[in-house]
Amino acid sequence: VDEKQQMQNDFLDKVLDLLPTECRTLLKHFYWNHKPMDEIASILGMRNADSAKSKKFKCMKKAKDIGNMLIKCGEFTEDEIRAAVERISLKELIKEETFYAENGISMAALDVDEDTE
């Protein structure tokens, strides 16, 4: 692992360490263990996959807030954090595209007119 990659890993580890346990568990199951939302909901005792998705959204916001806090304390530079966040976003995009491809779903069918959101 090169120095830049190690800094990104250190940043992600620090963010995860500072997250509440439920968020840390949810994000690890989703990003590292690639578990589906319905299974994560069951593990965490939530009602359904939609509850888990909502919680994941809130946890990602907390993670971003923690990242901003780490920038303000000077522990990590903004470039290091940006690179780490981009890596997480790319992993999520690849996972979604793989799911759609495996299930024969056209990405064009998922496009939503921004005016209707």
PDB file of N, CA and C in Angstrom:
ATOM      1  N   VAL A   1       0.849  -1.179   0.000  1.00  0.00           N
ATOM      2  CA  VAL A   1       0.000   0.000   0.000  1.00  0.00           C
ATOM      3  C   VAL A   1       0.896   1.244   0.000  1.00  0.00           C
ATOM      4  N   ASP A   2       0.653   2.135  -0.970  1.00  0.00           N
ATOM      5  CA  ASP A   2       1.468   3.350  -1.034  1.00  0.00           C
ATOM      6  C   ASP A   2       1.030   4.340   0.055  1.00  0.00           C
ATOM      7  N   GLU A   3       1.807   5.404   0.211  1.00  0.00           N
ATOM      8  CA  GLU A   3       1.569   6.365   1.295  1.00  0.00           C
ATOM      9  C   GLU A   3       0.194   7.040   1.184  1.00  0.00           C
ATOM     10  N   LYS A   4      -0.188   7.427  -0.046  1.00  0.00           N
ATOM     11  CA  LYS A   4      -1.477   8.087  -0.242  1.00  0.00           C
ATOM     12  C   LYS A   4      -2.631   7.141   0.106  1.00  0.00           C
ATOM     13  N   GLN A   5      -2.526   5.903  -0.357  1.00  0.00           N
ATOM     14  CA  GLN A   5      -3.557   4.905  -0.063  1.00  0.00           C
ATOM     15  C   GLN A   5      -3.638   4.659   1.448  1.00  0.00           C
ATOM     16  N   GLN A   6      -2.484   4.618   2.113  1.00  0.00           N
ATOM     17  CA  GLN A   6      -2.470   4.405   3.559  1.00  0.00           C
ATOM     18  C   GLN A   6      -3.153   5.557   4.291  1.00  0.00           C
ATOM     19  N   MET A   7      -2.926   6.798   3.833  1.00  0.00           N
ATOM     20  CA  MET A   7      -3.590   7.952   4.449  1.00  0.00           C
ATOM     21  C   MET A   7      -5.100   7.861   4.273  1.00  0.00           C
ATOM     22  N   GLN A   8      -5.534   7.455   3.080  1.00  0.00           N
ATOM     23  CA  GLN A   8      -6.968   7.310   2.829  1.00  0.00           C
ATOM     24  C   GLN A   8      -7.552   6.230   3.736  1.00  0.00           C
ATOM     25  N   ASN A   9      -6.826   5.119   3.876  1.00  0.00           N
ATOM     26  CA  ASN A   9      -7.288   4.047   4.760  1.00  0.00           C
ATOM     27  C   ASN A   9      -7.357   4.531   6.206  1.00  0.00           C
ATOM     28  N   ASP A  10      -6.342   5.281   6.630  1.00  0.00           N
ATOM     29  CA  ASP A  10      -6.328   5.823   7.987  1.00  0.00           C
ATOM     30  C   ASP A  10      -7.515   6.760   8.210  1.00  0.00           C
ATOM     31  N   PHE A  11      -7.808   7.581   7.195  1.00  0.00           N
ATOM     32  CA  PHE A  11      -8.945   8.494   7.292  1.00  0.00           C
ATOM     33  C   PHE A  11     -10.249   7.716   7.448  1.00  0.00           C
ATOM     34  N   LEU A  12     -10.461   6.726   6.586  1.00  0.00           N
ATOM     35  CA  LEU A  12     -11.695   5.936   6.654  1.00  0.00           C
ATOM     36  C   LEU A  12     -11.800   5.201   7.991  1.00  0.00           C
ATOM     37  N   ASP A  13     -10.683   4.661   8.474  1.00  0.00           N
ATOM     38  CA  ASP A  13     -10.691   3.991   9.778  1.00  0.00           C
ATOM     39  C   ASP A  13     -11.078   4.965  10.885  1.00  0.00           C
ATOM     40  N   LYS A  14     -10.542   6.176  10.831  1.00  0.00           N
ATOM     41  CA  LYS A  14     -10.830   7.189  11.850  1.00  0.00           C
ATOM     42  C   LYS A  14     -12.313   7.578  11.812  1.00  0.00           C
ATOM     43  N   VAL A  15     -12.841   7.784  10.608  1.00  0.00           N
ATOM     44  CA  VAL A  15     -14.259   8.127  10.475  1.00  0.00           C
ATOM     45  C   VAL A  15     -15.119   7.003  11.055  1.00  0.00           C
ATOM     46  N   LEU A  16     -14.815   5.764  10.678  1.00  0.00           N
ATOM     47  CA  LEU A  16     -15.598   4.634  11.186  1.00  0.00           C
ATOM     48  C   LEU A  16     -15.513   4.539  12.704  1.00  0.00           C
ATOM     49  N   ASP A  17     -14.329   4.760  13.251  1.00  0.00           N
ATOM     50  CA  ASP A  17     -14.160   4.697  14.706  1.00  0.00           C
ATOM     51  C   ASP A  17     -15.017   5.737  15.425  1.00  0.00           C
ATOM     52  N   LEU A  18     -15.223   6.885  14.787  1.00  0.00           N
ATOM     53  CA  LEU A  18     -15.970   7.974  15.416  1.00  0.00           C
ATOM     54  C   LEU A  18     -17.484   7.891  15.192  1.00  0.00           C
ATOM     55  N   LEU A  19     -17.915   7.000  14.313  1.00  0.00           N
ATOM     56  CA  LEU A  19     -19.347   6.824  14.061  1.00  0.00           C
ATOM     57  C   LEU A  19     -19.998   6.035  15.201  1.00  0.00           C
ATOM     58  N   PRO A  20     -21.296   6.249  15.428  1.00  0.00           N
ATOM     59  CA  PRO A  20     -22.011   5.396  16.382  1.00  0.00           C
ATOM     60  C   PRO A  20     -21.943   3.935  15.920  1.00  0.00           C
ATOM     61  N   THR A  21     -22.005   3.011  16.857  1.00  0.00           N
ATOM     62  CA  THR A  21     -21.853   1.580  16.563  1.00  0.00           C
ATOM     63  C   THR A  21     -22.819   1.107  15.478  1.00  0.00           C
ATOM     64  N   GLU A  22     -24.094   1.528  15.558  1.00  0.00           N
ATOM     65  CA  GLU A  22     -25.074   1.076  14.572  1.00  0.00           C
ATOM     66  C   GLU A  22     -24.681   1.522  13.154  1.00  0.00           C
ATOM     67  N   CYS A  23     -24.204   2.750  13.020  1.00  0.00           N
ATOM     68  CA  CYS A  23     -23.775   3.246  11.706  1.00  0.00           C
ATOM     69  C   CYS A  23     -22.556   2.459  11.210  1.00  0.00           C
ATOM     70  N   ARG A  24     -21.604   2.268  12.087  1.00  0.00           N
ATOM     71  CA  ARG A  24     -20.395   1.529  11.723  1.00  0.00           C
ATOM     72  C   ARG A  24     -20.767   0.121  11.242  1.00  0.00           C
ATOM     73  N   THR A  25     -21.652  -0.539  11.974  1.00  0.00           N
ATOM     74  CA  THR A  25     -22.076  -1.895  11.617  1.00  0.00           C
ATOM     75  C   THR A  25     -22.800  -1.896  10.273  1.00  0.00           C
ATOM     76  N   LEU A  26     -23.737  -0.964  10.098  1.00  0.00           N
ATOM     77  CA  LEU A  26     -24.504  -0.891   8.854  1.00  0.00           C
ATOM     78  C   LEU A  26     -23.579  -0.668   7.654  1.00  0.00           C
ATOM     79  N   LEU A  27     -22.695   0.314   7.762  1.00  0.00           N
ATOM     80  CA  LEU A  27     -21.820   0.634   6.628  1.00  0.00           C
ATOM     81  C   LEU A  27     -20.847  -0.503   6.322  1.00  0.00           C
ATOM     82  N   LYS A  28     -20.349  -1.161   7.348  1.00  0.00           N
ATOM     83  CA  LYS A  28     -19.446  -2.295   7.105  1.00  0.00           C
ATOM     84  C   LYS A  28     -20.177  -3.437   6.401  1.00  0.00           C
ATOM     85  N   HIS A  29     -21.412  -3.725   6.843  1.00  0.00           N
ATOM     86  CA  HIS A  29     -22.186  -4.785   6.173  1.00  0.00           C
ATOM     87  C   HIS A  29     -22.463  -4.416   4.719  1.00  0.00           C
ATOM     88  N   PHE A  30     -22.775  -3.157   4.473  1.00  0.00           N
ATOM     89  CA  PHE A  30     -23.116  -2.738   3.110  1.00  0.00           C
ATOM     90  C   PHE A  30     -21.885  -2.669   2.203  1.00  0.00           C
ATOM     91  N   TYR A  31     -20.837  -1.940   2.651  1.00  0.00           N
ATOM     92  CA  TYR A  31     -19.694  -1.695   1.775  1.00  0.00           C
ATOM     93  C   TYR A  31     -18.661  -2.816   1.776  1.00  0.00           C
ATOM     94  N   TRP A  32     -18.411  -3.415   2.913  1.00  0.00           N
ATOM     95  CA  TRP A  32     -17.365  -4.425   2.968  1.00  0.00           C
ATOM     96  C   TRP A  32     -17.904  -5.839   2.765  1.00  0.00           C
ATOM     97  N   ASN A  33     -19.062  -6.130   3.351  1.00  0.00           N
ATOM     98  CA  ASN A  33     -19.620  -7.481   3.245  1.00  0.00           C
ATOM     99  C   ASN A  33     -20.617  -7.625   2.098  1.00  0.00           C
ATOM    100  N   HIS A  34     -20.963  -6.504   1.462  1.00  0.00           N
ATOM    101  CA  HIS A  34     -21.868  -6.485   0.294  1.00  0.00           C
ATOM    102  C   HIS A  34     -23.211  -7.165   0.573  1.00  0.00           C
ATOM    103  N   LYS A  35     -23.722  -6.945   1.773  1.00  0.00           N
ATOM    104  CA  LYS A  35     -25.019  -7.523   2.134  1.00  0.00           C
ATOM    105  C   LYS A  35     -26.146  -6.647   1.604  1.00  0.00           C
ATOM    106  N   PRO A  36     -27.247  -7.255   1.186  1.00  0.00           N
ATOM    107  CA  PRO A  36     -28.399  -6.470   0.721  1.00  0.00           C
ATOM    108  C   PRO A  36     -29.086  -5.780   1.897  1.00  0.00           C
ATOM    109  N   MET A  37     -29.818  -4.716   1.593  1.00  0.00           N
ATOM    110  CA  MET A  37     -30.454  -3.913   2.622  1.00  0.00           C
ATOM    111  C   MET A  37     -31.456  -4.703   3.466  1.00  0.00           C
ATOM    112  N   ASP A  38     -32.188  -5.631   2.866  1.00  0.00           N
ATOM    113  CA  ASP A  38     -33.144  -6.395   3.667  1.00  0.00           C
ATOM    114  C   ASP A  38     -32.435  -7.249   4.717  1.00  0.00           C
ATOM    115  N   GLU A  39     -31.278  -7.784   4.365  1.00  0.00           N
ATOM    116  CA  GLU A  39     -30.507  -8.578   5.318  1.00  0.00           C
ATOM    117  C   GLU A  39     -29.907  -7.687   6.414  1.00  0.00           C
ATOM    118  N   ILE A  40     -29.420  -6.512   6.017  1.00  0.00           N
ATOM    119  CA  ILE A  40     -28.881  -5.565   7.003  1.00  0.00           C
ATOM    120  C   ILE A  40     -29.983  -5.145   7.976  1.00  0.00           C
ATOM    121  N   ALA A  41     -31.175  -4.895   7.449  1.00  0.00           N
ATOM    122  CA  ALA A  41     -32.306  -4.510   8.307  1.00  0.00           C
ATOM    123  C   ALA A  41     -32.583  -5.610   9.331  1.00  0.00           C
ATOM    124  N   SER A  42     -32.552  -6.843   8.895  1.00  0.00           N
ATOM    125  CA  SER A  42     -32.789  -7.970   9.797  1.00  0.00           C
ATOM    126  C   SER A  42     -31.702  -8.059  10.869  1.00  0.00           C
ATOM    127  N   ILE A  43     -30.453  -7.915  10.470  1.00  0.00           N
ATOM    128  CA  ILE A  43     -29.329  -7.977  11.409  1.00  0.00           C
ATOM    129  C   ILE A  43     -29.448  -6.886  12.472  1.00  0.00           C
ATOM    130  N   LEU A  44     -29.840  -5.684  12.048  1.00  0.00           N
ATOM    131  CA  LEU A  44     -29.906  -4.549  12.967  1.00  0.00           C
ATOM    132  C   LEU A  44     -31.258  -4.399  13.664  1.00  0.00           C
ATOM    133  N   GLY A  45     -32.194  -5.321  13.374  1.00  0.00           N
ATOM    134  CA  GLY A  45     -33.502  -5.273  14.029  1.00  0.00           C
ATOM    135  C   GLY A  45     -34.397  -4.160  13.522  1.00  0.00           C
ATOM    136  N   MET A  46     -34.222  -3.790  12.261  1.00  0.00           N
ATOM    137  CA  MET A  46     -35.061  -2.747  11.659  1.00  0.00           C
ATOM    138  C   MET A  46     -36.267  -3.381  10.991  1.00  0.00           C
ATOM    139  N   ARG A  47     -37.277  -2.546  10.698  1.00  0.00           N
ATOM    140  CA  ARG A  47     -38.517  -3.051  10.093  1.00  0.00           C
ATOM    141  C   ARG A  47     -38.322  -3.649   8.714  1.00  0.00           C
ATOM    142  N   ASN A  48     -37.571  -2.935   7.864  1.00  0.00           N
ATOM    143  CA  ASN A  48     -37.454  -3.384   6.477  1.00  0.00           C
ATOM    144  C   ASN A  48     -36.247  -2.716   5.802  1.00  0.00           C
ATOM    145  N   ALA A  49     -36.061  -3.056   4.518  1.00  0.00           N
ATOM    146  CA  ALA A  49     -34.934  -2.520   3.747  1.00  0.00           C
ATOM    147  C   ALA A  49     -35.009  -0.999   3.629  1.00  0.00           C
ATOM    148  N   ASP A  50     -36.213  -0.459   3.528  1.00  0.00           N
ATOM    149  CA  ASP A  50     -36.350   1.000   3.420  1.00  0.00           C
ATOM    150  C   ASP A  50     -35.845   1.696   4.683  1.00  0.00           C
ATOM    151  N   SER A  51     -36.108   1.095   5.840  1.00  0.00           N
ATOM    152  CA  SER A  51     -35.591   1.656   7.098  1.00  0.00           C
ATOM    153  C   SER A  51     -34.066   1.642   7.094  1.00  0.00           C
ATOM    154  N   ALA A  52     -33.491   0.547   6.602  1.00  0.00           N
ATOM    155  CA  ALA A  52     -32.029   0.431   6.543  1.00  0.00           C
ATOM    156  C   ALA A  52     -31.450   1.449   5.555  1.00  0.00           C
ATOM    157  N   LYS A  53     -32.127   1.659   4.428  1.00  0.00           N
ATOM    158  CA  LYS A  53     -31.662   2.643   3.446  1.00  0.00           C
ATOM    159  C   LYS A  53     -31.680   4.047   4.035  1.00  0.00           C
ATOM    160  N   SER A  54     -32.736   4.358   4.755  1.00  0.00           N
ATOM    161  CA  SER A  54     -32.851   5.673   5.385  1.00  0.00           C
ATOM    162  C   SER A  54     -31.738   5.854   6.414  1.00  0.00           C
ATOM    163  N   LYS A  55     -31.493   4.824   7.189  1.00  0.00           N
ATOM    164  CA  LYS A  55     -30.437   4.891   8.203  1.00  0.00           C
ATOM    165  C   LYS A  55     -29.072   5.023   7.522  1.00  0.00           C
ATOM    166  N   LYS A  56     -28.856   4.329   6.421  1.00  0.00           N
ATOM    167  CA  LYS A  56     -27.581   4.417   5.692  1.00  0.00           C
ATOM    168  C   LYS A  56     -27.353   5.849   5.224  1.00  0.00           C
ATOM    169  N   PHE A  57     -28.394   6.493   4.711  1.00  0.00           N
ATOM    170  CA  PHE A  57     -28.289   7.878   4.268  1.00  0.00           C
ATOM    171  C   PHE A  57     -27.861   8.772   5.435  1.00  0.00           C
ATOM    172  N   LYS A  58     -28.494   8.592   6.594  1.00  0.00           N
ATOM    173  CA  LYS A  58     -28.157   9.387   7.779  1.00  0.00           C
ATOM    174  C   LYS A  58     -26.735   9.098   8.251  1.00  0.00           C
ATOM    175  N   CYS A  59     -26.337   7.837   8.180  1.00  0.00           N
ATOM    176  CA  CYS A  59     -24.982   7.462   8.600  1.00  0.00           C
ATOM    177  C   CYS A  59     -23.930   8.061   7.674  1.00  0.00           C
ATOM    178  N   MET A  60     -24.217   8.100   6.385  1.00  0.00           N
ATOM    179  CA  MET A  60     -23.268   8.700   5.439  1.00  0.00           C
ATOM    180  C   MET A  60     -23.153  10.201   5.707  1.00  0.00           C
ATOM    181  N   LYS A  61     -24.257  10.841   6.074  1.00  0.00           N
ATOM    182  CA  LYS A  61     -24.194  12.271   6.425  1.00  0.00           C
ATOM    183  C   LYS A  61     -23.331  12.459   7.667  1.00  0.00           C
ATOM    184  N   LYS A  62     -23.501  11.598   8.667  1.00  0.00           N
ATOM    185  CA  LYS A  62     -22.668  11.679   9.864  1.00  0.00           C
ATOM    186  C   LYS A  62     -21.201  11.476   9.503  1.00  0.00           C
ATOM    187  N   ALA A  63     -20.936  10.532   8.605  1.00  0.00           N
ATOM    188  CA  ALA A  63     -19.551  10.263   8.191  1.00  0.00           C
ATOM    189  C   ALA A  63     -18.948  11.501   7.526  1.00  0.00           C
ATOM    190  N   LYS A  64     -19.729  12.172   6.686  1.00  0.00           N
ATOM    191  CA  LYS A  64     -19.242  13.389   6.037  1.00  0.00           C
ATOM    192  C   LYS A  64     -18.994  14.497   7.058  1.00  0.00           C
ATOM    193  N   ASP A  65     -19.886  14.606   8.035  1.00  0.00           N
ATOM    194  CA  ASP A  65     -19.702  15.602   9.096  1.00  0.00           C
ATOM    195  C   ASP A  65     -18.433  15.319   9.895  1.00  0.00           C
ATOM    196  N   ILE A  66     -18.187  14.060  10.178  1.00  0.00           N
ATOM    197  CA  ILE A  66     -16.963  13.682  10.892  1.00  0.00           C
ATOM    198  C   ILE A  66     -15.742  14.019  10.041  1.00  0.00           C
ATOM    199  N   GLY A  67     -15.831  13.753   8.742  1.00  0.00           N
ATOM    200  CA  GLY A  67     -14.740  14.110   7.835  1.00  0.00           C
ATOM    201  C   GLY A  67     -14.442  15.596   7.878  1.00  0.00           C
ATOM    202  N   ASN A  68     -15.499  16.407   7.862  1.00  0.00           N
ATOM    203  CA  ASN A  68     -15.313  17.863   7.947  1.00  0.00           C
ATOM    204  C   ASN A  68     -14.667  18.264   9.264  1.00  0.00           C
ATOM    205  N   MET A  69     -15.056  17.586  10.350  1.00  0.00           N
ATOM    206  CA  MET A  69     -14.457  17.868  11.646  1.00  0.00           C
ATOM    207  C   MET A  69     -12.958  17.531  11.630  1.00  0.00           C
ATOM    208  N   LEU A  70     -12.611  16.411  10.989  1.00  0.00           N
ATOM    209  CA  LEU A  70     -11.201  16.013  10.920  1.00  0.00           C
ATOM    210  C   LEU A  70     -10.377  17.020  10.113  1.00  0.00           C
ATOM    211  N   ILE A  71     -11.009  17.632   9.097  1.00  0.00           N
ATOM    212  CA  ILE A  71     -10.322  18.676   8.332  1.00  0.00           C
ATOM    213  C   ILE A  71     -10.063  19.879   9.243  1.00  0.00           C
ATOM    214  N   LYS A  72     -11.109  20.286   9.974  1.00  0.00           N
ATOM    215  CA  LYS A  72     -10.978  21.465  10.833  1.00  0.00           C
ATOM    216  C   LYS A  72      -9.921  21.285  11.905  1.00  0.00           C
ATOM    217  N   CYS A  73      -9.779  20.050  12.426  1.00  0.00           N
ATOM    218  CA  CYS A  73      -8.738  19.832  13.459  1.00  0.00           C
ATOM    219  C   CYS A  73      -7.365  19.663  12.841  1.00  0.00           C
ATOM    220  N   GLY A  74      -7.299  19.601  11.517  1.00  0.00           N
ATOM    221  CA  GLY A  74      -5.998  19.493  10.853  1.00  0.00           C
ATOM    222  C   GLY A  74      -5.400  18.096  10.851  1.00  0.00           C
ATOM    223  N   GLU A  75      -6.200  17.093  11.250  1.00  0.00           N
ATOM    224  CA  GLU A  75      -5.656  15.737  11.287  1.00  0.00           C
ATOM    225  C   GLU A  75      -5.467  15.167   9.874  1.00  0.00           C
ATOM    226  N   PHE A  76      -6.329  15.565   8.949  1.00  0.00           N
ATOM    227  CA  PHE A  76      -6.244  15.128   7.554  1.00  0.00           C
ATOM    228  C   PHE A  76      -6.456  16.342   6.660  1.00  0.00           C
ATOM    229  N   THR A  77      -5.855  16.311   5.473  1.00  0.00           N
ATOM    230  CA  THR A  77      -6.057  17.412   4.542  1.00  0.00           C
ATOM    231  C   THR A  77      -7.341  17.173   3.746  1.00  0.00           C
ATOM    232  N   GLU A  78      -7.859  18.244   3.199  1.00  0.00           N
ATOM    233  CA  GLU A  78      -9.083  18.141   2.401  1.00  0.00           C
ATOM    234  C   GLU A  78      -8.874  17.229   1.201  1.00  0.00           C
ATOM    235  N   ASP A  79      -7.706  17.274   0.564  1.00  0.00           N
ATOM    236  CA  ASP A  79      -7.434  16.406  -0.592  1.00  0.00           C
ATOM    237  C   ASP A  79      -7.478  14.935  -0.208  1.00  0.00           C
ATOM    238  N   GLU A  80      -6.946  14.582   0.961  1.00  0.00           N
ATOM    239  CA  GLU A  80      -6.970  13.192   1.418  1.00  0.00           C
ATOM    240  C   GLU A  80      -8.406  12.726   1.634  1.00  0.00           C
ATOM    241  N   ILE A  81      -9.196  13.587   2.229  1.00  0.00           N
ATOM    242  CA  ILE A  81     -10.588  13.247   2.495  1.00  0.00           C
ATOM    243  C   ILE A  81     -11.372  13.140   1.198  1.00  0.00           C
ATOM    244  N   ARG A  82     -11.167  14.090   0.295  1.00  0.00           N
ATOM    245  CA  ARG A  82     -11.872  14.052  -0.987  1.00  0.00           C
ATOM    246  C   ARG A  82     -11.573  12.746  -1.724  1.00  0.00           C
ATOM    247  N   ALA A  83     -10.308  12.346  -1.748  1.00  0.00           N
ATOM    248  CA  ALA A  83      -9.924  11.110  -2.433  1.00  0.00           C
ATOM    249  C   ALA A  83     -10.610   9.899  -1.789  1.00  0.00           C
ATOM    250  N   ALA A  84     -10.661   9.870  -0.462  1.00  0.00           N
ATOM    251  CA  ALA A  84     -11.287   8.748   0.229  1.00  0.00           C
ATOM    252  C   ALA A  84     -12.795   8.706  -0.032  1.00  0.00           C
ATOM    253  N   VAL A  85     -13.448   9.859   0.011  1.00  0.00           N
ATOM    254  CA  VAL A  85     -14.889   9.921  -0.234  1.00  0.00           C
ATOM    255  C   VAL A  85     -15.200   9.537  -1.680  1.00  0.00           C
ATOM    256  N   GLU A  86     -14.386   9.993  -2.619  1.00  0.00           N
ATOM    257  CA  GLU A  86     -14.589   9.635  -4.018  1.00  0.00           C
ATOM    258  C   GLU A  86     -14.464   8.127  -4.210  1.00  0.00           C
ATOM    259  N   ARG A  87     -13.533   7.520  -3.472  1.00  0.00           N
ATOM    260  CA  ARG A  87     -13.347   6.072  -3.580  1.00  0.00           C
ATOM    261  C   ARG A  87     -14.596   5.346  -3.079  1.00  0.00           C
ATOM    262  N   ILE A  88     -15.179   5.804  -1.978  1.00  0.00           N
ATOM    263  CA  ILE A  88     -16.404   5.191  -1.453  1.00  0.00           C
ATOM    264  C   ILE A  88     -17.541   5.357  -2.458  1.00  0.00           C
ATOM    265  N   SER A  89     -17.691   6.552  -3.007  1.00  0.00           N
ATOM    266  CA  SER A  89     -18.760   6.816  -3.983  1.00  0.00           C
ATOM    267  C   SER A  89     -18.601   5.941  -5.212  1.00  0.00           C
ATOM    268  N   LEU A  90     -17.370   5.779  -5.676  1.00  0.00           N
ATOM    269  CA  LEU A  90     -17.114   4.944  -6.841  1.00  0.00           C
ATOM    270  C   LEU A  90     -17.475   3.492  -6.549  1.00  0.00           C
ATOM    271  N   LYS A  91     -17.130   3.003  -5.355  1.00  0.00           N
ATOM    272  CA  LYS A  91     -17.491   1.630  -4.992  1.00  0.00           C
ATOM    273  C   LYS A  91     -19.006   1.447  -5.025  1.00  0.00           C
ATOM    274  N   GLU A  92     -19.744   2.426  -4.505  1.00  0.00           N
ATOM    275  CA  GLU A  92     -21.204   2.333  -4.477  1.00  0.00           C
ATOM    276  C   GLU A  92     -21.770   2.341  -5.890  1.00  0.00           C
ATOM    277  N   LEU A  93     -21.252   3.203  -6.751  1.00  0.00           N
ATOM    278  CA  LEU A  93     -21.717   3.271  -8.132  1.00  0.00           C
ATOM    279  C   LEU A  93     -21.457   1.959  -8.863  1.00  0.00           C
ATOM    280  N   ILE A  94     -20.269   1.398  -8.686  1.00  0.00           N
ATOM    281  CA  ILE A  94     -19.926   0.122  -9.334  1.00  0.00           C
ATOM    282  C   ILE A  94     -20.862  -0.978  -8.846  1.00  0.00           C
ATOM    283  N   LYS A  95     -21.142  -1.000  -7.548  1.00  0.00           N
ATOM    284  CA  LYS A  95     -22.035  -2.012  -6.995  1.00  0.00           C
ATOM    285  C   LYS A  95     -23.430  -1.888  -7.609  1.00  0.00           C
ATOM    286  N   GLU A  96     -23.953  -0.665  -7.714  1.00  0.00           N
ATOM    287  CA  GLU A  96     -25.279  -0.451  -8.295  1.00  0.00           C
ATOM    288  C   GLU A  96     -25.309  -0.873  -9.761  1.00  0.00           C
ATOM    289  N   GLU A  97     -24.292  -0.471 -10.531  1.00  0.00           N
ATOM    290  CA  GLU A  97     -24.258  -0.818 -11.947  1.00  0.00           C
ATOM    291  C   GLU A  97     -24.152  -2.323 -12.148  1.00  0.00           C
ATOM    292  N   THR A  98     -23.397  -2.998 -11.294  1.00  0.00           N
ATOM    293  CA  THR A  98     -23.276  -4.455 -11.379  1.00  0.00           C
ATOM    294  C   THR A  98     -24.627  -5.105 -11.109  1.00  0.00           C
ATOM    295  N   PHE A  99     -25.337  -4.620 -10.095  1.00  0.00           N
ATOM    296  CA  PHE A  99     -26.667  -5.153  -9.781  1.00  0.00           C
ATOM    297  C   PHE A  99     -27.604  -4.995 -10.979  1.00  0.00           C
ATOM    298  N   TYR A 100     -27.616  -3.799 -11.563  1.00  0.00           N
ATOM    299  CA  TYR A 100     -28.502  -3.552 -12.703  1.00  0.00           C
ATOM    300  C   TYR A 100     -28.136  -4.450 -13.883  1.00  0.00           C
ATOM    301  N   ALA A 101     -26.848  -4.596 -14.151  1.00  0.00           N
ATOM    302  CA  ALA A 101     -26.409  -5.439 -15.266  1.00  0.00           C
ATOM    303  C   ALA A 101     -26.796  -6.896 -15.022  1.00  0.00           C
ATOM    304  N   GLU A 102     -26.594  -7.382 -13.797  1.00  0.00           N
ATOM    305  CA  GLU A 102     -26.913  -8.776 -13.469  1.00  0.00           C
ATOM    306  C   GLU A 102     -28.407  -9.054 -13.534  1.00  0.00           C
ATOM    307  N   ASN A 103     -29.215  -8.025 -13.331  1.00  0.00           N
ATOM    308  CA  ASN A 103     -30.665  -8.192 -13.327  1.00  0.00           C
ATOM    309  C   ASN A 103     -31.333  -7.681 -14.602  1.00  0.00           C
ATOM    310  N   GLY A 104     -30.531  -7.360 -15.613  1.00  0.00           N
ATOM    311  CA  GLY A 104     -31.066  -6.941 -16.903  1.00  0.00           C
ATOM    312  C   GLY A 104     -31.832  -5.638 -16.865  1.00  0.00           C
ATOM    313  N   ILE A 105     -31.468  -4.752 -15.943  1.00  0.00           N
ATOM    314  CA  ILE A 105     -32.155  -3.460 -15.828  1.00  0.00           C
ATOM    315  C   ILE A 105     -31.362  -2.425 -16.619  1.00  0.00           C
ATOM    316  N   SER A 106     -32.040  -1.724 -17.507  1.00  0.00           N
ATOM    317  CA  SER A 106     -31.394  -0.684 -18.298  1.00  0.00           C
ATOM    318  C   SER A 106     -31.194   0.560 -17.446  1.00  0.00           C
ATOM    319  N   MET A 107     -29.982   1.093 -17.456  1.00  0.00           N
ATOM    320  CA  MET A 107     -29.706   2.321 -16.709  1.00  0.00           C
ATOM    321  C   MET A 107     -30.558   3.474 -17.241  1.00  0.00           C
ATOM    322  N   ALA A 108     -30.854   3.495 -18.533  1.00  0.00           N
ATOM    323  CA  ALA A 108     -31.665   4.562 -19.122  1.00  0.00           C
ATOM    324  C   ALA A 108     -33.069   4.563 -18.535  1.00  0.00           C
ATOM    325  N   ALA A 109     -33.571   3.396 -18.163  1.00  0.00           N
ATOM    326  CA  ALA A 109     -34.908   3.302 -17.585  1.00  0.00           C
ATOM    327  C   ALA A 109     -34.945   3.910 -16.189  1.00  0.00           C
ATOM    328  N   LEU A 110     -33.791   4.078 -15.588  1.00  0.00           N
ATOM    329  CA  LEU A 110     -33.729   4.618 -14.228  1.00  0.00           C
ATOM    330  C   LEU A 110     -33.555   6.127 -14.202  1.00  0.00           C
ATOM    331  N   ASP A 111     -33.279   6.728 -15.349  1.00  0.00           N
ATOM    332  CA  ASP A 111     -33.093   8.181 -15.395  1.00  0.00           C
ATOM    333  C   ASP A 111     -34.384   8.860 -14.967  1.00  0.00           C
ATOM    334  N   VAL A 112     -34.230   9.837 -14.097  1.00  0.00           N
ATOM    335  CA  VAL A 112     -35.386  10.584 -13.576  1.00  0.00           C
ATOM    336  C   VAL A 112     -35.225  12.034 -13.991  1.00  0.00           C
ATOM    337  N   ASP A 113     -36.291  12.612 -14.469  1.00  0.00           N
ATOM    338  CA  ASP A 113     -36.266  14.032 -14.810  1.00  0.00           C
ATOM    339  C   ASP A 113     -36.122  14.815 -13.519  1.00  0.00           C
ATOM    340  N   GLU A 114     -35.075  15.626 -13.421  1.00  0.00           N
ATOM    341  CA  GLU A 114     -34.798  16.356 -12.187  1.00  0.00           C
ATOM    342  C   GLU A 114     -35.934  17.285 -11.788  1.00  0.00           C
ATOM    343  N   ASP A 115     -36.708  17.744 -12.748  1.00  0.00           N
ATOM    344  CA  ASP A 115     -37.815  18.648 -12.439  1.00  0.00           C
ATOM    345  C   ASP A 115     -38.936  17.946 -11.679  1.00  0.00           C
ATOM    346  N   THR A 116     -39.011  16.607 -11.784  1.00  0.00           N
ATOM    347  CA  THR A 116     -40.089  15.874 -11.148  1.00  0.00           C
ATOM    348  C   THR A 116     -39.711  15.356  -9.775  1.00  0.00           C
ATOM    349  N   GLU A 117     -38.455  15.541  -9.363  1.00  0.00           N
ATOM    350  CA  GLU A 117     -38.030  15.029  -8.053  1.00  0.00           C
ATOM    351  C   GLU A 117     -38.538  15.893  -6.931  1.00  0.00           C
TER     352      GLU A 117
END
